[in-house]
Amino acid sequence: AARIIQNMDPTADPCKDFYQYACGGWLSRHVIPETSSRYSIFDILRDELEIILKGVLETSDQGDREAFQKAKILYKSCMNESLIEQRDSLPLLEALRMVGDWPVASADWNKTKEPSWSMEEKLSIMNSRFNKRVLIDMFVWNDDRDSSRHIIYIDQPSLGMPSRDYYFNGGNYQRVREAYLQFMITIAKMIREDKNVSRDDSFVQEEMAKVMELETEIAN
């Protein structure tokens, strides 16, 4: 009750501006972060939950159930930066191999990989092995027309950047967009070097610019 009252604006006339009356307190105390397209009580609760989960994952308990033990092992593996540095790009190279490699970071991909490459197969691998929805998002949920059964839903995927604004707006959005493109270029160059593929910066830049164009079309 206290939180509800705190989020209200009692100075506003509910008969003239009910939204300001009901949410004015919240609006005056919160600003949408530049990294987000929205900000609500659920986002705050999520941030608070992440802090709680961090504490749980960093606490050892011999009586943990197997699922908790696995979660803590996974968390520790992500936080083990020395091992991550030691393995370098090997995990990424292994992941790329599973999805048919990356044309921009490969030699003669069109001749050696493309003939047997299947987009449908690789999309299914990205979904099942890495939990990544690329180009389309699919999930199973209750049928809106018949709640007694479940059906497959097909939806638009999430974007590479947080929201559509990052692909079209100027200012800070443009700076993030430029950094995002440069990040892709840097990763492609790094992988080419690790795979002993000859250096071709202009080719990498052209290919990553095409990726950016495709993402922009999807965002639009």
C-alpha atoms as a PDB file:
ATOM      1  CA  ALA A   1       0.000   0.000   0.000  1.00  0.00           C
ATOM      2  CA  ALA A   2       2.833   2.388   0.857  1.00  0.00           C
ATOM      3  CA  ARG A   3       4.477   1.771  -2.521  1.00  0.00           C
ATOM      4  CA  ILE A   4       1.210   2.449  -4.360  1.00  0.00           C
ATOM      5  CA  ILE A   5       0.733   5.736  -2.507  1.00  0.00           C
ATOM      6  CA  GLN A   6       4.356   6.669  -3.146  1.00  0.00           C
ATOM      7  CA  ASN A   7       3.875   6.190  -6.887  1.00  0.00           C
ATOM      8  CA  MET A   8       0.842   8.515  -6.971  1.00  0.00           C
ATOM      9  CA  ASP A   9       0.720  12.282  -7.435  1.00  0.00           C
ATOM     10  CA  PRO A  10      -1.920  13.603  -4.987  1.00  0.00           C
ATOM     11  CA  THR A  11      -1.505  17.138  -6.360  1.00  0.00           C
ATOM     12  CA  ALA A  12      -3.032  16.101  -9.694  1.00  0.00           C
ATOM     13  CA  ASP A  13      -6.782  16.168 -10.269  1.00  0.00           C
ATOM     14  CA  PRO A  14      -7.864  12.588 -11.081  1.00  0.00           C
ATOM     15  CA  CYS A  15     -10.882  13.924 -12.968  1.00  0.00           C
ATOM     16  CA  LYS A  16      -8.616  15.845 -15.375  1.00  0.00           C
ATOM     17  CA  ASP A  17      -5.486  13.659 -15.591  1.00  0.00           C
ATOM     18  CA  PHE A  18      -5.957  10.281 -13.979  1.00  0.00           C
ATOM     19  CA  TYR A  19      -2.673   8.944 -15.377  1.00  0.00           C
ATOM     20  CA  GLN A  20      -0.677  11.702 -13.678  1.00  0.00           C
ATOM     21  CA  TYR A  21      -2.672  11.173 -10.485  1.00  0.00           C
ATOM     22  CA  ALA A  22      -2.033   7.409 -10.460  1.00  0.00           C
ATOM     23  CA  CYS A  23       1.551   7.356 -11.767  1.00  0.00           C
ATOM     24  CA  GLY A  24       2.962  10.856 -11.270  1.00  0.00           C
ATOM     25  CA  GLY A  25       5.061   9.894  -8.261  1.00  0.00           C
ATOM     26  CA  TRP A  26       6.663   7.070 -10.205  1.00  0.00           C
ATOM     27  CA  LEU A  27       7.369   9.295 -13.221  1.00  0.00           C
ATOM     28  CA  SER A  28       9.034  11.969 -11.091  1.00  0.00           C
ATOM     29  CA  ARG A  29      11.385   9.467  -9.431  1.00  0.00           C
ATOM     30  CA  HIS A  30      12.350   7.255 -12.367  1.00  0.00           C
ATOM     31  CA  VAL A  31      13.937   7.829 -15.763  1.00  0.00           C
ATOM     32  CA  ILE A  32      14.070   5.215 -18.529  1.00  0.00           C
ATOM     33  CA  PRO A  33      17.730   4.091 -18.792  1.00  0.00           C
ATOM     34  CA  GLU A  34      19.394   4.762 -22.139  1.00  0.00           C
ATOM     35  CA  THR A  35      20.073   1.048 -22.463  1.00  0.00           C
ATOM     36  CA  SER A  36      16.375   0.167 -22.233  1.00  0.00           C
ATOM     37  CA  SER A  37      13.245   0.871 -24.224  1.00  0.00           C
ATOM     38  CA  ARG A  38      11.064   0.690 -21.090  1.00  0.00           C
ATOM     39  CA  TYR A  39      11.286   0.831 -17.301  1.00  0.00           C
ATOM     40  CA  SER A  40       8.675  -0.463 -14.871  1.00  0.00           C
ATOM     41  CA  ILE A  41       8.296  -2.005 -11.434  1.00  0.00           C
ATOM     42  CA  PHE A  42       8.971  -5.377 -13.040  1.00  0.00           C
ATOM     43  CA  ASP A  43      12.380  -4.180 -14.244  1.00  0.00           C
ATOM     44  CA  ILE A  44      13.207  -3.030 -10.712  1.00  0.00           C
ATOM     45  CA  LEU A  45      12.092  -6.374  -9.285  1.00  0.00           C
ATOM     46  CA  ARG A  46      14.226  -8.164 -11.866  1.00  0.00           C
ATOM     47  CA  ASP A  47      17.307  -6.157 -10.857  1.00  0.00           C
ATOM     48  CA  GLU A  48      16.636  -6.900  -7.183  1.00  0.00           C
ATOM     49  CA  LEU A  49      16.178 -10.588  -7.980  1.00  0.00           C
ATOM     50  CA  GLU A  50      19.499 -10.702  -9.838  1.00  0.00           C
ATOM     51  CA  ILE A  51      21.264  -9.360  -6.738  1.00  0.00           C
ATOM     52  CA  ILE A  52      19.609 -12.033  -4.586  1.00  0.00           C
ATOM     53  CA  LEU A  53      20.481 -14.779  -7.074  1.00  0.00           C
ATOM     54  CA  LYS A  54      24.088 -13.603  -7.190  1.00  0.00           C
ATOM     55  CA  GLY A  55      24.315 -14.063  -3.428  1.00  0.00           C
ATOM     56  CA  VAL A  56      22.771 -17.532  -3.623  1.00  0.00           C
ATOM     57  CA  LEU A  57      25.075 -18.666  -6.440  1.00  0.00           C
ATOM     58  CA  GLU A  58      28.177 -17.469  -4.602  1.00  0.00           C
ATOM     59  CA  THR A  59      27.269 -19.315  -1.380  1.00  0.00           C
ATOM     60  CA  SER A  60      28.453 -22.914  -0.938  1.00  0.00           C
ATOM     61  CA  ASP A  61      26.108 -25.400   0.705  1.00  0.00           C
ATOM     62  CA  GLN A  62      26.839 -29.121   0.940  1.00  0.00           C
ATOM     63  CA  GLY A  63      23.117 -29.809   1.202  1.00  0.00           C
ATOM     64  CA  ASP A  64      22.280 -28.256  -2.167  1.00  0.00           C
ATOM     65  CA  ARG A  65      20.103 -30.209  -4.540  1.00  0.00           C
ATOM     66  CA  GLU A  66      21.652 -31.375  -7.795  1.00  0.00           C
ATOM     67  CA  ALA A  67      19.972 -28.609  -9.813  1.00  0.00           C
ATOM     68  CA  PHE A  68      21.419 -25.947  -7.472  1.00  0.00           C
ATOM     69  CA  GLN A  69      24.867 -27.534  -7.690  1.00  0.00           C
ATOM     70  CA  LYS A  70      24.776 -27.440 -11.486  1.00  0.00           C
ATOM     71  CA  ALA A  71      23.653 -23.807 -11.476  1.00  0.00           C
ATOM     72  CA  LYS A  72      26.535 -22.864  -9.176  1.00  0.00           C
ATOM     73  CA  ILE A  73      29.035 -24.778 -11.320  1.00  0.00           C
ATOM     74  CA  LEU A  74      27.791 -22.916 -14.404  1.00  0.00           C
ATOM     75  CA  TYR A  75      28.015 -19.574 -12.587  1.00  0.00           C
ATOM     76  CA  LYS A  76      31.563 -20.278 -11.387  1.00  0.00           C
ATOM     77  CA  SER A  77      32.633 -21.275 -14.892  1.00  0.00           C
ATOM     78  CA  CYS A  78      31.394 -17.914 -16.184  1.00  0.00           C
ATOM     79  CA  MET A  79      33.202 -16.030 -13.403  1.00  0.00           C
ATOM     80  CA  ASN A  80      36.490 -17.920 -13.829  1.00  0.00           C
ATOM     81  CA  GLU A  81      38.125 -15.224 -15.937  1.00  0.00           C
ATOM     82  CA  SER A  82      41.612 -16.751 -15.815  1.00  0.00           C
ATOM     83  CA  LEU A  83      40.350 -19.971 -17.408  1.00  0.00           C
ATOM     84  CA  ILE A  84      38.334 -17.976 -19.926  1.00  0.00           C
ATOM     85  CA  GLU A  85      41.478 -16.075 -20.919  1.00  0.00           C
ATOM     86  CA  GLN A  86      43.434 -19.320 -21.104  1.00  0.00           C
ATOM     87  CA  ARG A  87      40.915 -20.951 -23.452  1.00  0.00           C
ATOM     88  CA  ASP A  88      40.874 -17.794 -25.577  1.00  0.00           C
ATOM     89  CA  SER A  89      38.625 -18.174 -28.642  1.00  0.00           C
ATOM     90  CA  LEU A  90      38.446 -21.994 -28.567  1.00  0.00           C
ATOM     91  CA  PRO A  91      34.845 -22.193 -27.202  1.00  0.00           C
ATOM     92  CA  LEU A  92      33.660 -19.727 -29.841  1.00  0.00           C
ATOM     93  CA  LEU A  93      35.399 -21.664 -32.615  1.00  0.00           C
ATOM     94  CA  GLU A  94      33.741 -24.861 -31.398  1.00  0.00           C
ATOM     95  CA  ALA A  95      30.326 -23.173 -31.398  1.00  0.00           C
ATOM     96  CA  LEU A  96      30.870 -21.831 -34.920  1.00  0.00           C
ATOM     97  CA  ARG A  97      31.844 -25.288 -36.147  1.00  0.00           C
ATOM     98  CA  MET A  98      28.532 -26.654 -34.876  1.00  0.00           C
ATOM     99  CA  VAL A  99      26.545 -24.139 -36.936  1.00  0.00           C
ATOM    100  CA  GLY A 100      28.524 -24.569 -40.128  1.00  0.00           C
ATOM    101  CA  ASP A 101      31.251 -22.001 -39.497  1.00  0.00           C
ATOM    102  CA  TRP A 102      31.158 -18.267 -40.282  1.00  0.00           C
ATOM    103  CA  PRO A 103      31.656 -17.252 -43.933  1.00  0.00           C
ATOM    104  CA  VAL A 104      33.382 -13.965 -43.106  1.00  0.00           C
ATOM    105  CA  ALA A 105      35.944 -15.797 -40.950  1.00  0.00           C
ATOM    106  CA  SER A 106      36.550 -18.746 -43.251  1.00  0.00           C
ATOM    107  CA  ALA A 107      38.523 -19.501 -46.382  1.00  0.00           C
ATOM    108  CA  ASP A 108      36.469 -20.683 -49.379  1.00  0.00           C
ATOM    109  CA  TRP A 109      33.287 -21.123 -47.312  1.00  0.00           C
ATOM    110  CA  ASN A 110      31.145 -20.984 -50.463  1.00  0.00           C
ATOM    111  CA  LYS A 111      32.982 -23.981 -51.891  1.00  0.00           C
ATOM    112  CA  THR A 112      33.625 -26.085 -48.792  1.00  0.00           C
ATOM    113  CA  LYS A 113      30.620 -25.438 -46.539  1.00  0.00           C
ATOM    114  CA  GLU A 114      27.747 -23.870 -48.461  1.00  0.00           C
ATOM    115  CA  PRO A 115      26.822 -26.923 -50.621  1.00  0.00           C
ATOM    116  CA  SER A 116      25.830 -28.935 -47.529  1.00  0.00           C
ATOM    117  CA  TRP A 117      24.711 -26.011 -45.360  1.00  0.00           C
ATOM    118  CA  SER A 118      21.030 -25.925 -44.361  1.00  0.00           C
ATOM    119  CA  MET A 119      19.587 -22.797 -42.778  1.00  0.00           C
ATOM    120  CA  GLU A 120      16.695 -24.702 -41.191  1.00  0.00           C
ATOM    121  CA  GLU A 121      19.079 -27.209 -39.616  1.00  0.00           C
ATOM    122  CA  LYS A 122      21.411 -24.531 -38.268  1.00  0.00           C
ATOM    123  CA  LEU A 123      18.526 -22.473 -36.870  1.00  0.00           C
ATOM    124  CA  SER A 124      17.314 -25.546 -35.007  1.00  0.00           C
ATOM    125  CA  ILE A 125      20.815 -26.102 -33.585  1.00  0.00           C
ATOM    126  CA  MET A 126      21.018 -22.472 -32.453  1.00  0.00           C
ATOM    127  CA  ASN A 127      17.671 -22.917 -30.720  1.00  0.00           C
ATOM    128  CA  SER A 128      18.170 -26.350 -29.156  1.00  0.00           C
ATOM    129  CA  ARG A 129      21.875 -26.185 -28.222  1.00  0.00           C
ATOM    130  CA  PHE A 130      22.385 -22.492 -27.480  1.00  0.00           C
ATOM    131  CA  ASN A 131      18.838 -21.260 -26.738  1.00  0.00           C
ATOM    132  CA  LYS A 132      19.241 -18.536 -29.386  1.00  0.00           C
ATOM    133  CA  ARG A 133      16.322 -17.518 -31.585  1.00  0.00           C
ATOM    134  CA  VAL A 134      17.640 -16.218 -34.892  1.00  0.00           C
ATOM    135  CA  LEU A 135      15.403 -14.687 -37.604  1.00  0.00           C
ATOM    136  CA  ILE A 136      12.298 -16.218 -35.987  1.00  0.00           C
ATOM    137  CA  ASP A 137      11.228 -17.013 -32.437  1.00  0.00           C
ATOM    138  CA  MET A 138       9.290 -20.205 -31.751  1.00  0.00           C
ATOM    139  CA  PHE A 139       7.773 -21.391 -28.496  1.00  0.00           C
ATOM    140  CA  VAL A 140       5.030 -23.668 -27.198  1.00  0.00           C
ATOM    141  CA  TRP A 141       2.164 -22.087 -25.255  1.00  0.00           C
ATOM    142  CA  ASN A 142      -1.527 -22.456 -24.519  1.00  0.00           C
ATOM    143  CA  ASP A 143      -3.791 -22.150 -27.527  1.00  0.00           C
ATOM    144  CA  ASP A 144      -5.725 -18.875 -27.229  1.00  0.00           C
ATOM    145  CA  ARG A 145      -8.728 -20.547 -28.827  1.00  0.00           C
ATOM    146  CA  ASP A 146      -8.578 -23.777 -26.840  1.00  0.00           C
ATOM    147  CA  SER A 147      -6.872 -23.613 -23.424  1.00  0.00           C
ATOM    148  CA  SER A 148      -6.922 -27.415 -23.114  1.00  0.00           C
ATOM    149  CA  ARG A 149      -4.123 -27.805 -25.659  1.00  0.00           C
ATOM    150  CA  HIS A 150      -0.727 -26.338 -26.495  1.00  0.00           C
ATOM    151  CA  ILE A 151       0.409 -25.108 -29.899  1.00  0.00           C
ATOM    152  CA  ILE A 152       3.580 -23.793 -31.532  1.00  0.00           C
ATOM    153  CA  TYR A 153       3.795 -20.000 -31.789  1.00  0.00           C
ATOM    154  CA  ILE A 154       6.020 -18.196 -34.294  1.00  0.00           C
ATOM    155  CA  ASP A 155       7.036 -14.651 -33.427  1.00  0.00           C
ATOM    156  CA  GLN A 156       9.621 -12.017 -34.269  1.00  0.00           C
ATOM    157  CA  PRO A 157      13.014 -12.489 -32.589  1.00  0.00           C
ATOM    158  CA  SER A 158      14.861 -10.073 -30.348  1.00  0.00           C
ATOM    159  CA  LEU A 159      17.352  -7.729 -32.015  1.00  0.00           C
ATOM    160  CA  GLY A 160      21.112  -7.649 -31.679  1.00  0.00           C
ATOM    161  CA  MET A 161      20.807  -4.308 -29.876  1.00  0.00           C
ATOM    162  CA  PRO A 162      18.280  -3.588 -27.097  1.00  0.00           C
ATOM    163  CA  SER A 163      15.595  -1.848 -29.170  1.00  0.00           C
ATOM    164  CA  ARG A 164      14.637  -0.446 -32.568  1.00  0.00           C
ATOM    165  CA  ASP A 165      15.792   3.038 -31.515  1.00  0.00           C
ATOM    166  CA  TYR A 166      19.414   1.934 -31.664  1.00  0.00           C
ATOM    167  CA  TYR A 167      19.153   1.275 -35.401  1.00  0.00           C
ATOM    168  CA  PHE A 168      17.569   4.554 -36.480  1.00  0.00           C
ATOM    169  CA  ASN A 169      18.067   7.351 -33.929  1.00  0.00           C
ATOM    170  CA  GLY A 170      21.038   9.672 -33.600  1.00  0.00           C
ATOM    171  CA  GLY A 171      23.014  10.875 -30.582  1.00  0.00           C
ATOM    172  CA  ASN A 172      23.991   8.163 -28.132  1.00  0.00           C
ATOM    173  CA  TYR A 173      22.110   5.605 -30.209  1.00  0.00           C
ATOM    174  CA  GLN A 174      24.359   6.307 -33.179  1.00  0.00           C
ATOM    175  CA  ARG A 175      27.491   5.971 -31.044  1.00  0.00           C
ATOM    176  CA  VAL A 176      26.288   2.603 -29.753  1.00  0.00           C
ATOM    177  CA  ARG A 177      25.463   1.560 -33.327  1.00  0.00           C
ATOM    178  CA  GLU A 178      28.961   2.441 -34.501  1.00  0.00           C
ATOM    179  CA  ALA A 179      30.511   0.588 -31.554  1.00  0.00           C
ATOM    180  CA  TYR A 180      28.306  -2.429 -32.275  1.00  0.00           C
ATOM    181  CA  LEU A 181      29.479  -2.568 -35.886  1.00  0.00           C
ATOM    182  CA  GLN A 182      33.100  -2.145 -34.834  1.00  0.00           C
ATOM    183  CA  PHE A 183      32.676  -4.956 -32.296  1.00  0.00           C
ATOM    184  CA  MET A 184      31.495  -7.329 -35.040  1.00  0.00           C
ATOM    185  CA  ILE A 185      34.419  -6.326 -37.246  1.00  0.00           C
ATOM    186  CA  THR A 186      36.894  -6.875 -34.401  1.00  0.00           C
ATOM    187  CA  ILE A 187      35.509 -10.328 -33.578  1.00  0.00           C
ATOM    188  CA  ALA A 188      35.606 -11.387 -37.238  1.00  0.00           C
ATOM    189  CA  LYS A 189      39.224 -10.255 -37.560  1.00  0.00           C
ATOM    190  CA  MET A 190      40.162 -12.064 -34.354  1.00  0.00           C
ATOM    191  CA  ILE A 191      38.618 -15.336 -35.512  1.00  0.00           C
ATOM    192  CA  ARG A 192      40.274 -15.100 -38.932  1.00  0.00           C
ATOM    193  CA  GLU A 193      43.606 -14.641 -37.190  1.00  0.00           C
ATOM    194  CA  ASP A 194      43.021 -17.544 -34.795  1.00  0.00           C
ATOM    195  CA  LYS A 195      42.080 -19.794 -37.735  1.00  0.00           C
ATOM    196  CA  ASN A 196      45.123 -18.677 -39.724  1.00  0.00           C
ATOM    197  CA  VAL A 197      42.936 -17.182 -42.448  1.00  0.00           C
ATOM    198  CA  SER A 198      44.658 -14.473 -44.473  1.00  0.00           C
ATOM    199  CA  ARG A 199      43.965 -10.899 -43.406  1.00  0.00           C
ATOM    200  CA  ASP A 200      41.416  -8.992 -45.512  1.00  0.00           C
ATOM    201  CA  ASP A 201      40.102  -5.997 -43.565  1.00  0.00           C
ATOM    202  CA  SER A 202      38.096  -4.504 -46.435  1.00  0.00           C
ATOM    203  CA  PHE A 203      36.244  -7.794 -46.984  1.00  0.00           C
ATOM    204  CA  VAL A 204      35.423  -8.066 -43.275  1.00  0.00           C
ATOM    205  CA  GLN A 205      34.140  -4.489 -43.128  1.00  0.00           C
ATOM    206  CA  GLU A 206      31.951  -5.005 -46.206  1.00  0.00           C
ATOM    207  CA  GLU A 207      30.455  -8.232 -44.847  1.00  0.00           C
ATOM    208  CA  MET A 208      29.749  -6.786 -41.401  1.00  0.00           C
ATOM    209  CA  ALA A 209      28.142  -3.733 -43.008  1.00  0.00           C
ATOM    210  CA  LYS A 210      25.788  -6.170 -44.778  1.00  0.00           C
ATOM    211  CA  VAL A 211      24.970  -7.772 -41.426  1.00  0.00           C
ATOM    212  CA  MET A 212      24.140  -4.341 -40.041  1.00  0.00           C
ATOM    213  CA  GLU A 213      21.914  -3.613 -43.030  1.00  0.00           C
ATOM    214  CA  LEU A 214      20.043  -6.885 -42.530  1.00  0.00           C
ATOM    215  CA  GLU A 215      19.504  -6.208 -38.815  1.00  0.00           C
ATOM    216  CA  THR A 216      18.264  -2.717 -39.653  1.00  0.00           C
ATOM    217  CA  GLU A 217      15.753  -4.130 -42.143  1.00  0.00           C
ATOM    218  CA  ILE A 218      14.528  -6.610 -39.530  1.00  0.00           C
ATOM    219  CA  ALA A 219      14.239  -3.819 -36.935  1.00  0.00           C
ATOM    220  CA  ASN A 220      12.172  -1.778 -39.386  1.00  0.00           C
END
